[in-house]
Amino acid sequence: KDCTANKGSDAGYFGEPYASGAICNSACPLMFAGGVRRVVGEWAYLGVHQITTTYIRTKLLYRTTYKVVNGKKKVISTKVVSRKNAGSYKTYEMSKAVEKRLAAYFRDMGVGEDVLTTMKNTPASDIHQLALETMLRMGLVTSMDSVDLLTAAAICKARPEPANCREIPANKDAAPAAAVAAEVKPAPATAARQEIVKRDEDMRFVVVRGSNPLCNPDCPEWISAEGTITAYTPERLRDMLDSIGRRRLPLVINSPGGDVLGALAAGRLIREHKLDVAIARTDFVGCDLTARDCAADSEARAGLTVDAEGVCNSACAIMLAGGVRRLVGPRARLSVHSLGMEKQVRTYLEDMAIGSDLFAAMQSVLYSSHRQLEPEMMLKVGLTTGPQSVDALTGATICAATPKPENCRVAPSPNAQAEAPAKL
């Protein structure tokens, strides 16, 4: 009772939805089909079966009042004086009338006829669980995403902000809030560590300067992008690009994939700024990516790129596609699978001037699987622009080339700041 809806209160309750094990069977998919955006995810279950209809018989006794006019009876009123239950019966196959209504409903909701066909072919005593790829093909789900698309904490960082995000006003009900806070026990240390790990998985952007002594004092710099693509990855990338001003540094990505919408937006931002992109991991010298001394800002951290074990999976390929030059070395690994949101992905790849072969390769792989693309294949479908590795953008010797790459910069002399006042 203490968690029931309060009439006249807009406070709401704290909670977190879990897709794992969630179920939507029988009549539930009919309600689900009414949504504008409809997501299930690979850990939830949605099943259909034959519609069961219960018919209830009722015996009615009427009292009719009429009068005779010119020898003919004219009914004045009819009233039910008694109503008795006369039994009921069930049908385990939908009637033509019900089928017609369901077909019209699904058509109005943009759902394919295959859903109704599957329902008709599944006995009422059974449940046919639909695979995620099947639901996407039928139009029952609108993307391959899970409930996180609508409820994850990160979505409220996106711009524009989703309609279901709301900031709680400060100092509202301060006394009750304080009382509640006093009763909240601190989370266990293990839970705190898990939360830190979860945050650190989100993609982080760090400006890096090559640490190879062969390049000093003129060394290449780049932006390291490590971690999972989320809804606010584009905003973080924009903040990073704003912080470095007009400098155009290549982007070195190492990511398992993540949010498709985030990848699409980040890819467009990459193309807008005409950045080169390569797949590799960045090894930092003197700092740890998860530590505060290596936090993302415009100050360059020492490091080097290694394409061995560099990863770009799933939605990461979308982000890579935004690059002007796109490089994946022979020791880096890139894999693809179907992502859903077919119209958006196809349009994006066309805008990036990448042929339809890449989209076809992605669509040929189930969401639950991965297909690793070899370097020759990536060149063939247009995902990469050449056979080079990340070294073409971050190698120690590139700054000796003529013309010099834009991402090369001579390190300031340690005495530069001391000498500056004297020169003034």
Protein backbone atom coordinates (compact mmCIF):
# COMPACT_ATOMS: atom_id res chain seq x y z
CA LYS A 1 0.00 0.00 0.00
CA ASP A 2 2.90 2.38 0.60
CA CYS A 3 3.83 2.08 -3.10
CA THR A 4 0.44 2.76 -4.65
CA ALA A 5 -0.21 5.77 -6.84
CA ASN A 6 -0.97 8.93 -4.88
CA LYS A 7 -3.81 10.95 -6.32
CA GLY A 8 -2.93 14.60 -6.59
CA SER A 9 0.82 13.94 -6.32
CA ASP A 10 3.34 14.10 -9.16
CA ALA A 11 6.28 12.86 -7.09
CA GLY A 12 6.47 9.37 -8.63
CA TYR A 13 8.49 6.49 -7.21
CA PHE A 14 12.07 5.35 -7.67
CA GLY A 15 12.62 2.21 -9.69
CA GLU A 16 14.59 0.54 -12.46
CA PRO A 17 13.15 -1.66 -15.24
CA TYR A 18 14.82 -4.98 -16.07
CA ALA A 19 14.41 -6.60 -19.49
CA SER A 20 15.81 -9.93 -18.36
CA GLY A 21 12.96 -12.40 -17.91
CA ALA A 22 10.21 -9.86 -18.67
CA ILE A 23 7.19 -11.45 -20.39
CA CYS A 24 4.52 -10.23 -22.82
CA ASN A 25 2.33 -13.15 -23.94
CA SER A 26 -1.16 -13.85 -25.24
CA ALA A 27 -3.20 -10.62 -25.36
CA CYS A 28 -0.26 -8.48 -24.17
CA PRO A 29 1.26 -8.17 -27.70
CA LEU A 30 -1.99 -6.55 -28.85
CA MET A 31 -1.54 -3.80 -26.28
CA PHE A 32 2.20 -3.61 -27.06
CA ALA A 33 1.47 -3.07 -30.78
CA GLY A 34 -0.19 0.26 -29.96
CA GLY A 35 3.14 1.90 -29.11
CA VAL A 36 4.88 4.36 -31.39
CA ARG A 37 8.35 3.06 -30.53
CA ARG A 38 8.20 -0.61 -29.54
CA VAL A 39 11.24 -2.38 -28.06
CA VAL A 40 11.62 -5.82 -26.47
CA GLY A 41 15.34 -6.58 -26.36
CA GLU A 42 17.08 -9.95 -26.53
CA TRP A 43 16.49 -10.85 -22.84
CA ALA A 44 12.72 -10.34 -22.71
CA TYR A 45 10.05 -12.69 -24.05
CA LEU A 46 7.08 -11.99 -26.30
CA GLY A 47 4.74 -14.77 -27.37
CA VAL A 48 1.49 -15.16 -29.28
CA HIS A 49 -1.15 -17.84 -29.76
CA GLN A 50 -4.65 -18.41 -31.10
CA ILE A 51 -7.27 -16.02 -29.76
CA THR A 52 -9.65 -17.62 -27.25
CA THR A 53 -13.15 -16.14 -27.25
CA THR A 54 -15.70 -16.74 -24.47
CA TYR A 55 -19.36 -16.36 -25.37
CA ILE A 56 -21.85 -15.83 -22.51
CA ARG A 57 -25.51 -16.70 -23.12
CA THR A 58 -28.14 -14.61 -21.38
CA LYS A 59 -31.90 -15.23 -21.28
CA LEU A 60 -33.88 -11.98 -21.30
CA LEU A 61 -37.59 -11.42 -20.50
CA TYR A 62 -39.09 -8.28 -22.05
CA ARG A 63 -42.23 -6.32 -21.27
CA THR A 64 -43.57 -4.58 -24.34
CA THR A 65 -46.24 -1.87 -24.27
CA TYR A 66 -48.14 -1.13 -27.43
CA LYS A 67 -51.41 0.28 -28.65
CA VAL A 68 -53.68 -0.51 -31.57
CA VAL A 69 -54.00 2.23 -34.19
CA ASN A 70 -56.31 1.62 -37.14
CA GLY A 71 -56.23 -2.08 -36.45
CA LYS A 72 -52.43 -2.23 -36.30
CA LYS A 73 -50.19 -2.72 -33.24
CA LYS A 74 -47.79 0.14 -32.56
CA VAL A 75 -45.01 -0.51 -30.01
CA ILE A 76 -44.72 2.25 -27.45
CA SER A 77 -41.91 0.87 -25.25
CA THR A 78 -39.86 -2.26 -24.54
CA LYS A 79 -38.36 -2.96 -21.13
CA VAL A 80 -36.18 -5.82 -19.83
CA VAL A 81 -37.86 -7.24 -16.72
CA SER A 82 -35.49 -10.13 -16.03
CA ARG A 83 -32.03 -11.34 -17.07
CA LYS A 84 -30.81 -14.91 -16.43
CA ASN A 85 -27.50 -16.63 -17.18
CA ALA A 86 -28.08 -19.32 -19.80
CA GLY A 87 -24.53 -20.74 -19.78
CA SER A 88 -21.36 -19.98 -21.74
CA TYR A 89 -18.96 -21.61 -24.16
CA LYS A 90 -15.46 -20.98 -25.56
CA THR A 91 -14.05 -21.09 -29.06
CA TYR A 92 -10.35 -21.86 -29.46
CA GLU A 93 -10.12 -20.51 -32.98
CA MET A 94 -10.78 -16.91 -33.89
CA SER A 95 -13.89 -16.22 -35.91
CA LYS A 96 -13.80 -14.44 -39.24
CA ALA A 97 -15.16 -11.32 -37.58
CA VAL A 98 -12.40 -11.31 -34.92
CA GLU A 99 -9.75 -12.03 -37.53
CA LYS A 100 -10.95 -9.12 -39.62
CA ARG A 101 -10.84 -6.74 -36.67
CA LEU A 102 -7.34 -7.88 -35.66
CA ALA A 103 -6.05 -7.55 -39.22
CA ALA A 104 -7.36 -3.97 -39.37
CA TYR A 105 -5.83 -3.17 -35.97
CA PHE A 106 -2.37 -4.48 -36.88
CA ARG A 107 -2.51 -2.68 -40.20
CA ASP A 108 -3.31 0.61 -38.45
CA MET A 109 -0.41 0.04 -36.03
CA GLY A 110 2.05 -0.63 -38.86
CA VAL A 111 2.47 -4.31 -37.92
CA GLY A 112 2.79 -6.92 -40.66
CA GLU A 113 0.27 -9.68 -41.36
CA ASP A 114 2.81 -12.33 -40.29
CA VAL A 115 1.96 -11.69 -36.63
CA LEU A 116 -1.69 -12.58 -37.20
CA THR A 117 -0.69 -15.64 -39.25
CA THR A 118 1.55 -16.86 -36.42
CA MET A 119 -1.27 -16.37 -33.93
CA LYS A 120 -3.66 -18.39 -36.08
CA ASN A 121 -1.13 -21.22 -36.50
CA THR A 122 -0.40 -21.55 -32.75
CA PRO A 123 -2.92 -23.51 -30.61
CA ALA A 124 -4.49 -21.64 -27.72
CA SER A 125 -2.89 -24.15 -25.34
CA ASP A 126 0.60 -23.19 -26.54
CA ILE A 127 2.72 -20.02 -26.81
CA HIS A 128 4.91 -19.21 -29.80
CA GLN A 129 7.85 -17.14 -28.56
CA LEU A 130 8.99 -14.71 -31.27
CA ALA A 131 12.70 -14.13 -31.87
CA LEU A 132 13.87 -10.51 -31.90
CA GLU A 133 14.87 -10.66 -35.56
CA THR A 134 11.44 -12.09 -36.42
CA MET A 135 9.64 -9.31 -34.54
CA LEU A 136 11.70 -6.71 -36.40
CA ARG A 137 10.88 -8.32 -39.75
CA MET A 138 7.18 -8.42 -38.84
CA GLY A 139 7.22 -4.80 -37.76
CA LEU A 140 6.12 -5.68 -34.24
CA VAL A 141 9.23 -3.99 -32.80
CA THR A 142 10.58 -0.79 -34.28
CA SER A 143 14.25 -1.44 -33.46
CA MET A 144 16.57 -4.04 -31.94
CA ASP A 145 16.98 -1.95 -28.80
CA SER A 146 15.85 -2.91 -25.30
CA VAL A 147 13.99 -0.95 -22.62
CA ASP A 148 17.22 1.02 -22.00
CA LEU A 149 16.37 3.04 -25.11
CA LEU A 150 13.52 4.61 -23.14
CA THR A 151 14.60 4.42 -19.49
CA ALA A 152 18.41 4.37 -19.23
CA ALA A 153 19.88 7.11 -17.06
CA ALA A 154 22.06 8.30 -19.93
CA ILE A 155 19.19 9.26 -22.24
CA CYS A 156 18.50 12.46 -20.28
CA LYS A 157 21.96 13.70 -21.29
CA ALA A 158 20.95 13.66 -24.97
CA ARG A 159 19.97 16.78 -26.90
CA PRO A 160 17.16 17.28 -27.48
CA GLU A 161 16.17 15.88 -24.11
CA PRO A 162 13.59 13.04 -24.29
CA ALA A 163 10.06 13.96 -23.23
CA ASN A 164 10.10 11.53 -20.29
CA CYS A 165 13.04 13.23 -18.55
CA ARG A 166 12.22 15.55 -15.65
CA GLU A 167 14.43 17.41 -13.21
CA ILE A 168 13.22 17.36 -9.62
CA PRO A 169 13.07 20.97 -8.34
CA ALA A 170 15.61 21.82 -5.67
CA ASN A 171 14.45 22.27 -2.06
CA LYS A 172 11.01 20.86 -2.85
CA ASP A 173 9.68 18.95 0.14
CA ALA A 174 13.07 19.44 1.76
CA ALA A 175 12.02 18.14 5.16
CA PRO A 176 10.53 14.85 3.92
CA ALA A 177 13.49 14.38 1.58
CA ALA A 178 15.91 14.90 4.44
CA ALA A 179 14.01 12.42 6.55
CA VAL A 180 14.15 9.84 3.80
CA ALA A 181 17.84 10.50 3.20
CA ALA A 182 18.54 9.92 6.88
CA GLU A 183 16.99 6.47 6.64
CA VAL A 184 18.89 5.43 3.49
CA LYS A 185 21.75 3.11 4.31
CA PRO A 186 25.02 3.42 2.35
CA ALA A 187 25.39 0.92 -0.45
CA PRO A 188 27.85 -1.93 0.04
CA ALA A 189 31.36 -1.36 -1.21
CA THR A 190 30.97 -4.04 -3.88
CA ALA A 191 27.93 -2.26 -5.31
CA ALA A 192 29.86 1.01 -5.44
CA ARG A 193 32.70 -0.67 -7.34
CA GLN A 194 30.25 -2.15 -9.83
CA GLU A 195 28.76 1.29 -10.46
CA ILE A 196 32.22 2.76 -11.07
CA VAL A 197 33.03 0.03 -13.56
CA LYS A 198 29.73 0.64 -15.33
CA ARG A 199 30.45 4.36 -15.70
CA ASP A 200 33.97 3.68 -16.93
CA GLU A 201 32.63 1.51 -19.76
CA ASP A 202 30.95 4.57 -21.33
CA MET A 203 33.00 6.03 -24.17
CA ARG A 204 35.54 8.56 -22.99
CA PHE A 205 37.50 11.01 -25.12
CA VAL A 206 41.10 11.94 -24.31
CA VAL A 207 43.61 14.00 -26.30
CA VAL A 208 46.80 11.94 -26.64
CA ARG A 209 50.30 12.87 -27.79
CA GLY A 210 52.67 10.24 -29.19
CA SER A 211 55.23 9.18 -26.59
CA ASN A 212 57.71 7.58 -28.99
CA PRO A 213 61.12 9.30 -28.58
CA LEU A 214 61.66 9.04 -32.34
CA CYS A 215 59.21 11.88 -32.92
CA ASN A 216 60.32 14.44 -30.31
CA PRO A 217 59.89 17.34 -30.29
CA ASP A 218 57.39 17.19 -33.19
CA CYS A 219 54.90 14.41 -32.41
CA PRO A 220 51.45 13.44 -33.68
CA GLU A 221 48.38 13.92 -31.52
CA TRP A 222 44.98 12.27 -31.70
CA ILE A 223 41.72 11.80 -29.79
CA SER A 224 41.36 8.46 -28.08
CA ALA A 225 37.76 7.16 -27.96
CA GLU A 226 37.51 4.13 -25.69
CA GLY A 227 34.40 2.38 -24.36
CA THR A 228 30.75 1.73 -25.09
CA ILE A 229 28.76 4.07 -27.33
CA THR A 230 25.85 5.56 -25.39
CA ALA A 231 23.12 8.13 -25.92
CA TYR A 232 25.40 10.93 -24.73
CA THR A 233 28.53 9.89 -26.66
CA PRO A 234 27.80 12.54 -29.35
CA GLU A 235 27.56 15.28 -26.71
CA ARG A 236 30.86 14.21 -25.12
CA LEU A 237 32.54 14.15 -28.51
CA ARG A 238 31.22 17.62 -29.33
CA ASP A 239 32.52 18.93 -26.00
CA MET A 240 35.94 17.49 -26.81
CA LEU A 241 36.00 19.01 -30.29
CA ASP A 242 34.95 22.39 -28.87
CA SER A 243 37.76 22.21 -26.31
CA ILE A 244 40.49 21.77 -28.96
CA GLY A 245 39.21 24.60 -31.12
CA ARG A 246 40.13 24.52 -34.81
CA ARG A 247 42.65 21.70 -34.49
CA ARG A 248 41.58 18.69 -36.53
CA LEU A 249 42.85 15.57 -34.78
CA PRO A 250 42.19 12.01 -35.96
CA LEU A 251 39.91 9.84 -33.86
CA VAL A 252 41.20 6.46 -32.68
CA ILE A 253 38.31 4.23 -31.59
CA ASN A 254 38.29 1.06 -29.50
CA SER A 255 34.70 0.05 -28.75
CA PRO A 256 32.45 -3.03 -28.38
CA GLY A 257 29.56 -1.05 -29.89
CA GLY A 258 26.47 0.17 -28.08
CA ASP A 259 23.61 2.58 -28.78
CA VAL A 260 22.72 2.82 -32.49
CA LEU A 261 21.22 6.31 -32.30
CA GLY A 262 24.30 7.51 -30.41
CA ALA A 263 26.56 6.01 -33.09
CA LEU A 264 24.56 7.62 -35.90
CA ALA A 265 24.76 11.06 -34.27
CA ALA A 266 28.47 10.67 -33.45
CA GLY A 267 29.21 9.53 -37.01
CA ARG A 268 27.51 12.60 -38.46
CA LEU A 269 29.48 14.82 -36.08
CA ILE A 270 32.71 13.16 -37.20
CA ARG A 271 31.87 13.82 -40.85
CA GLU A 272 30.81 17.39 -40.05
CA HIS A 273 34.28 18.05 -38.60
CA LYS A 274 36.00 16.08 -41.42
CA LEU A 275 37.91 13.82 -39.05
CA ASP A 276 39.99 10.79 -39.99
CA VAL A 277 39.17 7.66 -38.00
CA ALA A 278 41.13 4.49 -37.20
CA ILE A 279 40.46 1.43 -35.09
CA ALA A 280 43.07 0.69 -32.42
CA ARG A 281 43.51 0.79 -28.70
CA THR A 282 45.44 3.58 -27.00
CA ASP A 283 47.99 2.66 -24.35
CA PHE A 284 48.62 5.56 -21.99
CA VAL A 285 51.98 6.37 -20.47
CA GLY A 286 51.90 7.62 -16.90
CA CYS A 287 48.14 7.45 -16.36
CA ASP A 288 45.23 5.04 -16.31
CA LEU A 289 42.17 5.73 -18.48
CA THR A 290 39.87 4.98 -15.54
CA ALA A 291 41.78 7.22 -13.14
CA ARG A 292 41.20 10.89 -12.51
CA ASP A 293 44.70 11.84 -13.64
CA CYS A 294 43.71 10.76 -17.14
CA ALA A 295 40.33 12.50 -17.31
CA ALA A 296 39.11 13.82 -20.63
CA ASP A 297 40.15 17.41 -21.36
CA SER A 298 42.05 19.33 -24.02
CA GLU A 299 45.47 18.70 -22.42
CA ALA A 300 47.35 15.98 -24.29
CA ARG A 301 48.31 12.81 -22.40
CA ALA A 302 51.30 10.72 -23.42
CA GLY A 303 50.47 7.45 -25.16
CA LEU A 304 50.79 5.26 -28.20
CA THR A 305 48.39 3.40 -30.46
CA VAL A 306 48.35 -0.37 -30.92
CA ASP A 307 46.06 -1.91 -33.50
CA ALA A 308 46.56 -5.42 -32.07
CA GLU A 309 43.44 -6.24 -30.00
CA GLY A 310 41.78 -3.04 -31.17
CA VAL A 311 38.05 -3.75 -31.40
CA CYS A 312 35.15 -2.20 -33.31
CA ASN A 313 31.94 -4.21 -33.05
CA SER A 314 28.28 -3.67 -33.80
CA ALA A 315 27.30 0.04 -33.76
CA CYS A 316 31.00 1.03 -33.71
CA ALA A 317 31.12 0.38 -37.48
CA ILE A 318 28.47 3.10 -37.86
CA MET A 319 30.65 5.57 -35.98
CA LEU A 320 33.70 4.57 -38.05
CA ALA A 321 31.74 5.17 -41.25
CA GLY A 322 31.61 8.89 -40.44
CA GLY A 323 35.35 9.30 -40.97
CA VAL A 324 36.87 10.92 -44.05
CA ARG A 325 39.77 8.45 -44.02
CA ARG A 326 38.77 5.17 -42.38
CA LEU A 327 41.52 2.75 -41.39
CA VAL A 328 41.38 -0.70 -39.79
CA GLY A 329 44.75 -2.42 -39.59
CA PRO A 330 45.26 -6.16 -40.22
CA ARG A 331 45.58 -6.88 -36.50
CA ALA A 332 42.47 -4.96 -35.42
CA ARG A 333 39.09 -6.71 -35.34
CA LEU A 334 35.84 -5.33 -36.74
CA SER A 335 32.55 -7.23 -36.74
CA VAL A 336 29.00 -6.37 -37.78
CA HIS A 337 25.44 -7.64 -37.43
CA SER A 338 21.94 -6.34 -38.08
CA LEU A 339 21.16 -3.30 -35.93
CA GLY A 340 17.50 -2.62 -36.62
CA MET A 341 16.43 0.90 -37.55
CA GLU A 342 16.96 -0.13 -41.17
CA LYS A 343 15.75 3.09 -42.75
CA GLN A 344 17.95 5.32 -40.57
CA VAL A 345 21.05 3.11 -41.01
CA ARG A 346 20.60 2.82 -44.79
CA THR A 347 20.09 6.58 -45.18
CA TYR A 348 23.13 7.31 -43.00
CA LEU A 349 25.42 5.03 -45.02
CA GLU A 350 24.18 6.62 -48.24
CA ASP A 351 24.93 10.07 -46.80
CA MET A 352 28.44 8.86 -45.93
CA ALA A 353 28.89 7.77 -49.58
CA ILE A 354 29.28 4.12 -48.58
CA GLY A 355 27.79 1.59 -50.98
CA SER A 356 24.89 -0.74 -50.24
CA ASP A 357 27.20 -3.76 -49.86
CA LEU A 358 28.02 -2.84 -46.25
CA PHE A 359 24.34 -2.56 -45.34
CA ALA A 360 23.70 -5.94 -46.98
CA ALA A 361 26.57 -7.51 -45.04
CA MET A 362 25.15 -6.16 -41.78
CA GLN A 363 21.62 -7.33 -42.53
CA SER A 364 22.83 -10.84 -43.36
CA VAL A 365 23.89 -11.45 -39.74
CA LEU A 366 21.42 -12.01 -36.89
CA TYR A 367 21.46 -9.52 -34.02
CA SER A 368 22.61 -12.24 -31.61
CA SER A 369 25.61 -13.12 -33.82
CA HIS A 370 28.68 -11.34 -35.15
CA ARG A 371 30.47 -11.49 -38.48
CA GLN A 372 34.09 -10.41 -38.48
CA LEU A 373 35.04 -8.57 -41.64
CA GLU A 374 38.49 -9.18 -43.10
CA PRO A 375 40.52 -6.21 -44.42
CA GLU A 376 39.80 -7.14 -48.05
CA MET A 377 36.08 -7.30 -47.33
CA MET A 378 36.06 -3.93 -45.56
CA LEU A 379 37.75 -2.36 -48.58
CA LYS A 380 35.35 -4.06 -50.96
CA VAL A 381 32.20 -2.80 -49.20
CA GLY A 382 33.69 0.68 -48.80
CA LEU A 383 33.90 0.75 -45.00
CA THR A 384 37.65 1.45 -45.10
CA THR A 385 39.37 3.85 -47.49
CA GLY A 386 42.72 2.06 -47.61
CA PRO A 387 44.70 -0.92 -46.28
CA GLN A 388 46.79 1.13 -43.85
CA SER A 389 46.66 0.76 -40.08
CA VAL A 390 46.38 3.42 -37.39
CA ASP A 391 50.11 4.15 -37.82
CA ALA A 392 49.25 6.19 -40.92
CA LEU A 393 47.62 8.71 -38.57
CA THR A 394 49.60 8.37 -35.34
CA GLY A 395 52.96 6.80 -36.22
CA ALA A 396 56.13 8.36 -34.86
CA THR A 397 57.57 9.22 -38.28
CA ILE A 398 54.57 10.84 -39.97
CA CYS A 399 55.53 14.34 -38.79
CA ALA A 400 58.68 14.18 -40.93
CA ALA A 401 56.55 13.94 -44.08
CA THR A 402 55.95 16.81 -46.48
CA PRO A 403 53.44 18.29 -46.25
CA LYS A 404 53.27 17.81 -42.52
CA PRO A 405 50.00 16.24 -41.22
CA GLU A 406 47.62 18.59 -39.41
CA ASN A 407 47.81 16.61 -36.16
CA CYS A 408 51.56 17.21 -35.68
CA ARG A 409 52.61 19.76 -33.08
CA VAL A 410 55.96 20.78 -31.66
CA ALA A 411 56.02 20.40 -27.88
CA PRO A 412 56.46 23.72 -26.06
CA SER A 413 59.87 24.23 -24.48
CA PRO A 414 59.88 23.72 -20.68
CA ASN A 415 61.30 27.25 -20.38
CA ALA A 416 58.77 28.80 -22.79
CA GLN A 417 56.63 30.26 -20.03
CA ALA A 418 59.65 31.65 -18.18
CA GLU A 419 61.06 33.20 -21.34
CA ALA A 420 57.78 34.76 -22.46
CA PRO A 421 57.76 37.68 -19.98
CA ALA A 422 61.35 38.60 -20.92
CA LYS A 423 60.42 38.74 -24.63
CA LEU A 424 57.53 41.04 -23.82
